[in-house]
Amino acid sequence: MIDDGTDAPVCDDVREDWIRLPTRNEDVQARIAALQARNLGDCAPQVDPNGTIRHGSRTVTVSPTEAELVRLLTVNFGEVVPRESLRKRLCQGNPHASRNALDLHIMRIRRRITPLRLEIRTAWGRGYTLTTCGHDGGTDA
């Protein structure tokens, strides 16, 4: 927060922001929410075309099939991805994939992403959520 009449600061970091005083509490809260949303976007993992998952400075590589599933989870990072959406993605490469095949791939992905400090949480009866370890996304593991 800067005083009225003070020069605006130069922000070199996307996680930095400022607001001029006097201001309303609602404006401060809106800026805080925007910074938090921006920060969540920064911490979302990425999957490259070779199946390498990057989260922060860490990487792991998964199979092409698992990379497709992780791509869907990363696009919806922190949100529940319906099991049926993941099953359809799995069936693109193998139209005869069973229900158990998805469970097996999720189990393997869970093991592979542990060093990235990521986890896949089960939203019982709905699907799965990819999130950072320790983040309470409101689902049951």
C-alpha atoms as a PDB file:
ATOM      1  CA  MET A   1       0.000   0.000   0.000  1.00  0.00           C
ATOM      2  CA  ILE A   2       1.367   3.390  -0.917  1.00  0.00           C
ATOM      3  CA  ASP A   3       0.302   6.823   0.252  1.00  0.00           C
ATOM      4  CA  ASP A   4      -1.542   9.220  -2.008  1.00  0.00           C
ATOM      5  CA  GLY A   5       0.937  11.430  -3.821  1.00  0.00           C
ATOM      6  CA  THR A   6       3.720   8.806  -3.788  1.00  0.00           C
ATOM      7  CA  ASP A   7       5.195   7.643  -7.095  1.00  0.00           C
ATOM      8  CA  ALA A   8       3.915   4.289  -8.259  1.00  0.00           C
ATOM      9  CA  PRO A   9       6.427   1.473  -7.625  1.00  0.00           C
ATOM     10  CA  VAL A  10       7.828  -0.664 -10.417  1.00  0.00           C
ATOM     11  CA  CYS A  11       6.850  -4.290  -9.863  1.00  0.00           C
ATOM     12  CA  ASP A  12       9.393  -6.803 -11.197  1.00  0.00           C
ATOM     13  CA  ASP A  13       7.552  -9.876  -9.920  1.00  0.00           C
ATOM     14  CA  VAL A  14       4.135 -11.070 -11.126  1.00  0.00           C
ATOM     15  CA  ARG A  15       3.351 -11.983  -7.512  1.00  0.00           C
ATOM     16  CA  GLU A  16       3.788  -8.367  -6.452  1.00  0.00           C
ATOM     17  CA  ASP A  17       1.113  -5.694  -6.579  1.00  0.00           C
ATOM     18  CA  TRP A  18       0.340  -2.363  -4.984  1.00  0.00           C
ATOM     19  CA  ILE A  19      -2.654  -0.222  -4.173  1.00  0.00           C
ATOM     20  CA  ARG A  20      -2.875   3.476  -3.343  1.00  0.00           C
ATOM     21  CA  LEU A  21      -4.263   4.730  -0.024  1.00  0.00           C
ATOM     22  CA  PRO A  22      -6.908   5.616   0.904  1.00  0.00           C
ATOM     23  CA  THR A  23      -8.750   2.584  -0.385  1.00  0.00           C
ATOM     24  CA  ARG A  24     -11.725   0.461   0.518  1.00  0.00           C
ATOM     25  CA  ASN A  25     -11.348  -2.958   2.125  1.00  0.00           C
ATOM     26  CA  GLU A  26     -13.283  -4.512  -0.788  1.00  0.00           C
ATOM     27  CA  ASP A  27     -10.632  -3.230  -3.219  1.00  0.00           C
ATOM     28  CA  VAL A  28      -7.806  -4.662  -1.109  1.00  0.00           C
ATOM     29  CA  GLN A  29      -9.584  -8.026  -0.902  1.00  0.00           C
ATOM     30  CA  ALA A  30     -10.136  -8.043  -4.688  1.00  0.00           C
ATOM     31  CA  ARG A  31      -6.415  -7.414  -5.291  1.00  0.00           C
ATOM     32  CA  ILE A  32      -5.470 -10.176  -2.850  1.00  0.00           C
ATOM     33  CA  ALA A  33      -7.813 -12.621  -4.627  1.00  0.00           C
ATOM     34  CA  ALA A  34      -6.309 -11.689  -7.999  1.00  0.00           C
ATOM     35  CA  LEU A  35      -2.769 -12.277  -6.702  1.00  0.00           C
ATOM     36  CA  GLN A  36      -3.755 -15.638  -5.231  1.00  0.00           C
ATOM     37  CA  ALA A  37      -5.345 -16.715  -8.531  1.00  0.00           C
ATOM     38  CA  ARG A  38      -2.235 -15.592 -10.422  1.00  0.00           C
ATOM     39  CA  ASN A  39      -0.025 -17.544  -8.015  1.00  0.00           C
ATOM     40  CA  LEU A  40      -2.116 -20.721  -8.434  1.00  0.00           C
ATOM     41  CA  GLY A  41      -1.625 -20.409 -12.189  1.00  0.00           C
ATOM     42  CA  ASP A  42       2.133 -20.161 -11.666  1.00  0.00           C
ATOM     43  CA  CYS A  43       2.233 -23.366  -9.652  1.00  0.00           C
ATOM     44  CA  ALA A  44       0.195 -25.471 -12.076  1.00  0.00           C
ATOM     45  CA  PRO A  45       2.261 -28.302 -13.579  1.00  0.00           C
ATOM     46  CA  GLN A  46       2.943 -28.516 -17.306  1.00  0.00           C
ATOM     47  CA  VAL A  47       3.266 -31.562 -19.578  1.00  0.00           C
ATOM     48  CA  ASP A  48       5.485 -31.295 -22.648  1.00  0.00           C
ATOM     49  CA  PRO A  49       4.976 -33.272 -25.902  1.00  0.00           C
ATOM     50  CA  ASN A  50       7.500 -35.901 -24.754  1.00  0.00           C
ATOM     51  CA  GLY A  51       5.534 -36.759 -21.611  1.00  0.00           C
ATOM     52  CA  THR A  52       7.734 -34.829 -19.204  1.00  0.00           C
ATOM     53  CA  ILE A  53       5.763 -33.304 -16.344  1.00  0.00           C
ATOM     54  CA  ARG A  54       7.317 -30.138 -14.917  1.00  0.00           C
ATOM     55  CA  HIS A  55       6.323 -28.658 -11.577  1.00  0.00           C
ATOM     56  CA  GLY A  56       8.571 -25.892 -10.352  1.00  0.00           C
ATOM     57  CA  SER A  57      12.153 -26.991 -10.977  1.00  0.00           C
ATOM     58  CA  ARG A  58      11.352 -30.715 -10.809  1.00  0.00           C
ATOM     59  CA  THR A  59      10.481 -33.079 -13.656  1.00  0.00           C
ATOM     60  CA  VAL A  60       9.381 -36.670 -14.195  1.00  0.00           C
ATOM     61  CA  THR A  61       8.533 -38.539 -17.365  1.00  0.00           C
ATOM     62  CA  VAL A  62       5.467 -40.719 -17.870  1.00  0.00           C
ATOM     63  CA  SER A  63       4.235 -42.967 -20.672  1.00  0.00           C
ATOM     64  CA  PRO A  64       2.404 -41.375 -23.634  1.00  0.00           C
ATOM     65  CA  THR A  65      -0.936 -42.705 -22.354  1.00  0.00           C
ATOM     66  CA  GLU A  66      -0.333 -41.379 -18.849  1.00  0.00           C
ATOM     67  CA  ALA A  67       0.813 -38.036 -20.297  1.00  0.00           C
ATOM     68  CA  GLU A  68      -2.577 -37.680 -21.995  1.00  0.00           C
ATOM     69  CA  LEU A  69      -4.356 -38.273 -18.697  1.00  0.00           C
ATOM     70  CA  VAL A  70      -2.076 -35.839 -16.850  1.00  0.00           C
ATOM     71  CA  ARG A  71      -2.647 -33.180 -19.544  1.00  0.00           C
ATOM     72  CA  LEU A  72      -6.366 -33.337 -18.850  1.00  0.00           C
ATOM     73  CA  LEU A  73      -5.733 -33.095 -15.112  1.00  0.00           C
ATOM     74  CA  THR A  74      -3.325 -30.146 -15.500  1.00  0.00           C
ATOM     75  CA  VAL A  75      -5.736 -28.170 -17.676  1.00  0.00           C
ATOM     76  CA  ASN A  76      -8.194 -28.501 -14.797  1.00  0.00           C
ATOM     77  CA  PHE A  77      -5.564 -28.143 -12.047  1.00  0.00           C
ATOM     78  CA  GLY A  78      -7.237 -27.999  -8.630  1.00  0.00           C
ATOM     79  CA  GLU A  79     -10.638 -28.930 -10.090  1.00  0.00           C
ATOM     80  CA  VAL A  80     -12.432 -32.269 -10.206  1.00  0.00           C
ATOM     81  CA  VAL A  81     -12.048 -34.001 -13.569  1.00  0.00           C
ATOM     82  CA  PRO A  82     -14.910 -36.443 -14.111  1.00  0.00           C
ATOM     83  CA  ARG A  83     -13.873 -40.069 -14.252  1.00  0.00           C
ATOM     84  CA  GLU A  84     -15.761 -40.440 -17.528  1.00  0.00           C
ATOM     85  CA  SER A  85     -13.678 -37.660 -19.142  1.00  0.00           C
ATOM     86  CA  LEU A  86     -10.486 -39.447 -18.146  1.00  0.00           C
ATOM     87  CA  ARG A  87     -11.853 -42.779 -19.367  1.00  0.00           C
ATOM     88  CA  LYS A  88     -12.700 -41.229 -22.759  1.00  0.00           C
ATOM     89  CA  ARG A  89      -9.189 -39.801 -23.008  1.00  0.00           C
ATOM     90  CA  LEU A  90      -7.770 -43.242 -22.188  1.00  0.00           C
ATOM     91  CA  CYS A  91     -10.011 -44.913 -24.776  1.00  0.00           C
ATOM     92  CA  GLN A  92      -8.690 -42.642 -27.567  1.00  0.00           C
ATOM     93  CA  GLY A  93      -5.523 -44.713 -27.613  1.00  0.00           C
ATOM     94  CA  ASN A  94      -7.221 -48.017 -26.781  1.00  0.00           C
ATOM     95  CA  PRO A  95     -10.945 -48.381 -27.473  1.00  0.00           C
ATOM     96  CA  HIS A  96     -11.020 -51.608 -25.444  1.00  0.00           C
ATOM     97  CA  ALA A  97      -9.628 -50.063 -22.240  1.00  0.00           C
ATOM     98  CA  SER A  98     -11.419 -51.369 -19.172  1.00  0.00           C
ATOM     99  CA  ARG A  99     -12.508 -49.490 -16.069  1.00  0.00           C
ATOM    100  CA  ASN A 100      -9.614 -51.113 -14.239  1.00  0.00           C
ATOM    101  CA  ALA A 101      -7.175 -49.746 -16.844  1.00  0.00           C
ATOM    102  CA  LEU A 102      -7.947 -46.193 -15.710  1.00  0.00           C
ATOM    103  CA  ASP A 103      -7.447 -47.183 -12.073  1.00  0.00           C
ATOM    104  CA  LEU A 104      -4.079 -48.740 -12.950  1.00  0.00           C
ATOM    105  CA  HIS A 105      -2.903 -45.638 -14.836  1.00  0.00           C
ATOM    106  CA  ILE A 106      -4.004 -43.322 -12.006  1.00  0.00           C
ATOM    107  CA  MET A 107      -2.105 -45.488  -9.517  1.00  0.00           C
ATOM    108  CA  ARG A 108       1.056 -45.345 -11.665  1.00  0.00           C
ATOM    109  CA  ILE A 109       0.744 -41.578 -12.167  1.00  0.00           C
ATOM    110  CA  ARG A 110       0.317 -41.057  -8.424  1.00  0.00           C
ATOM    111  CA  ARG A 111       3.613 -42.844  -7.816  1.00  0.00           C
ATOM    112  CA  ARG A 112       5.440 -40.934 -10.556  1.00  0.00           C
ATOM    113  CA  ILE A 113       4.316 -37.444  -9.464  1.00  0.00           C
ATOM    114  CA  THR A 114       5.187 -37.815  -5.773  1.00  0.00           C
ATOM    115  CA  PRO A 115       8.681 -36.277  -6.251  1.00  0.00           C
ATOM    116  CA  LEU A 116       6.989 -33.257  -7.869  1.00  0.00           C
ATOM    117  CA  ARG A 117       5.029 -32.658  -4.663  1.00  0.00           C
ATOM    118  CA  LEU A 118       1.810 -33.278  -6.564  1.00  0.00           C
ATOM    119  CA  GLU A 119      -1.005 -35.659  -5.763  1.00  0.00           C
ATOM    120  CA  ILE A 120      -4.139 -36.977  -7.379  1.00  0.00           C
ATOM    121  CA  ARG A 121      -7.017 -36.953  -4.945  1.00  0.00           C
ATOM    122  CA  THR A 122     -10.145 -39.022  -5.425  1.00  0.00           C
ATOM    123  CA  ALA A 123     -13.477 -37.229  -5.405  1.00  0.00           C
ATOM    124  CA  TRP A 124     -15.582 -40.287  -4.639  1.00  0.00           C
ATOM    125  CA  GLY A 125     -18.364 -40.833  -7.137  1.00  0.00           C
ATOM    126  CA  ARG A 126     -17.170 -37.930  -9.304  1.00  0.00           C
ATOM    127  CA  GLY A 127     -13.560 -38.168 -10.474  1.00  0.00           C
ATOM    128  CA  TYR A 128     -10.054 -37.000  -9.635  1.00  0.00           C
ATOM    129  CA  THR A 129      -8.299 -33.750  -8.730  1.00  0.00           C
ATOM    130  CA  LEU A 130      -4.637 -32.972  -9.392  1.00  0.00           C
ATOM    131  CA  THR A 131      -3.288 -30.656  -6.720  1.00  0.00           C
ATOM    132  CA  THR A 132      -0.160 -29.860  -4.754  1.00  0.00           C
ATOM    133  CA  CYS A 133       0.571 -32.101  -1.770  1.00  0.00           C
ATOM    134  CA  GLY A 134      -1.099 -30.861   1.379  1.00  0.00           C
ATOM    135  CA  HIS A 135      -3.580 -28.638  -0.506  1.00  0.00           C
ATOM    136  CA  ASP A 136      -7.097 -29.250   0.743  1.00  0.00           C
ATOM    137  CA  GLY A 137      -9.168 -29.276  -2.409  1.00  0.00           C
ATOM    138  CA  GLY A 138     -12.246 -30.423  -0.551  1.00  0.00           C
ATOM    139  CA  THR A 139     -11.988 -34.015  -1.746  1.00  0.00           C
ATOM    140  CA  ASP A 140     -11.264 -37.224   0.075  1.00  0.00           C
ATOM    141  CA  ALA A 141      -8.022 -38.994  -0.776  1.00  0.00           C
END
